[in-house]
Amino acid sequence: MASTKQRNAARRNIKKAAAAARKKRTIAHLPKSVRTALGKQAAKVAKQKRKAA
């Protein structure tokens, strides 16, 4: 289990990466496997959020 500090850092990193990706459209240039993994991660988090609510 990640500590609160680690989770906060990860969230910050994701926000920064997302902002950069929107600016540069980096995701479009990533390998298919990485894009798939990102999508799966997003789906997992969305599912967790739905379960929590």
Protein backbone atom coordinates (compact mmCIF):
# COMPACT_ATOMS: atom_id res chain seq x y z
CA MET A 1 0.00 0.00 0.00
CA ALA A 2 1.34 3.41 -0.98
CA SER A 3 1.64 6.08 1.69
CA THR A 4 -0.45 9.26 1.55
CA LYS A 5 2.67 11.17 0.53
CA GLN A 6 3.31 8.77 -2.35
CA ARG A 7 -0.30 8.90 -3.52
CA ASN A 8 -0.27 12.70 -3.50
CA ALA A 9 3.01 12.74 -5.42
CA ALA A 10 1.59 10.27 -7.96
CA ARG A 11 -1.51 12.42 -8.43
CA ARG A 12 0.65 15.49 -9.00
CA ASN A 13 2.76 13.59 -11.52
CA ILE A 14 -0.33 12.35 -13.35
CA LYS A 15 -1.77 15.86 -13.52
CA LYS A 16 1.52 17.20 -14.88
CA ALA A 17 1.78 14.37 -17.40
CA ALA A 18 -1.83 14.85 -18.49
CA ALA A 19 -1.28 18.58 -18.98
CA ALA A 20 1.87 17.91 -21.02
CA ALA A 21 0.08 15.26 -23.06
CA ARG A 22 -2.78 17.63 -23.84
CA LYS A 23 -0.26 20.21 -24.94
CA LYS A 24 1.92 17.87 -26.98
CA ARG A 25 -0.53 15.04 -27.78
CA THR A 26 2.15 12.69 -26.47
CA ILE A 27 -0.34 9.86 -25.96
CA ALA A 28 -0.99 9.67 -29.71
CA HIS A 29 2.71 8.96 -30.26
CA LEU A 30 3.09 6.29 -27.55
CA PRO A 31 3.30 2.58 -28.36
CA LYS A 32 -0.03 0.77 -28.53
CA SER A 33 0.77 -1.34 -25.45
CA VAL A 34 1.34 1.78 -23.33
CA ARG A 35 -1.88 3.39 -24.53
CA THR A 36 -3.78 0.19 -23.75
CA ALA A 37 -2.25 0.07 -20.27
CA LEU A 38 -3.22 3.71 -19.66
CA GLY A 39 -6.79 3.00 -20.74
CA LYS A 40 -7.01 -0.06 -18.49
CA GLN A 41 -5.68 1.93 -15.54
CA ALA A 42 -8.24 4.69 -16.20
CA ALA A 43 -11.04 2.13 -16.40
CA LYS A 44 -9.90 0.55 -13.13
CA VAL A 45 -9.91 3.90 -11.32
CA ALA A 46 -13.31 4.82 -12.77
CA LYS A 47 -14.69 1.49 -11.56
CA GLN A 48 -13.27 2.10 -8.07
CA LYS A 49 -14.83 5.57 -8.00
CA ARG A 50 -18.23 4.15 -8.99
CA LYS A 51 -17.96 1.50 -6.28
CA ALA A 52 -17.02 4.08 -3.63
CA ALA A 53 -19.96 6.39 -4.39
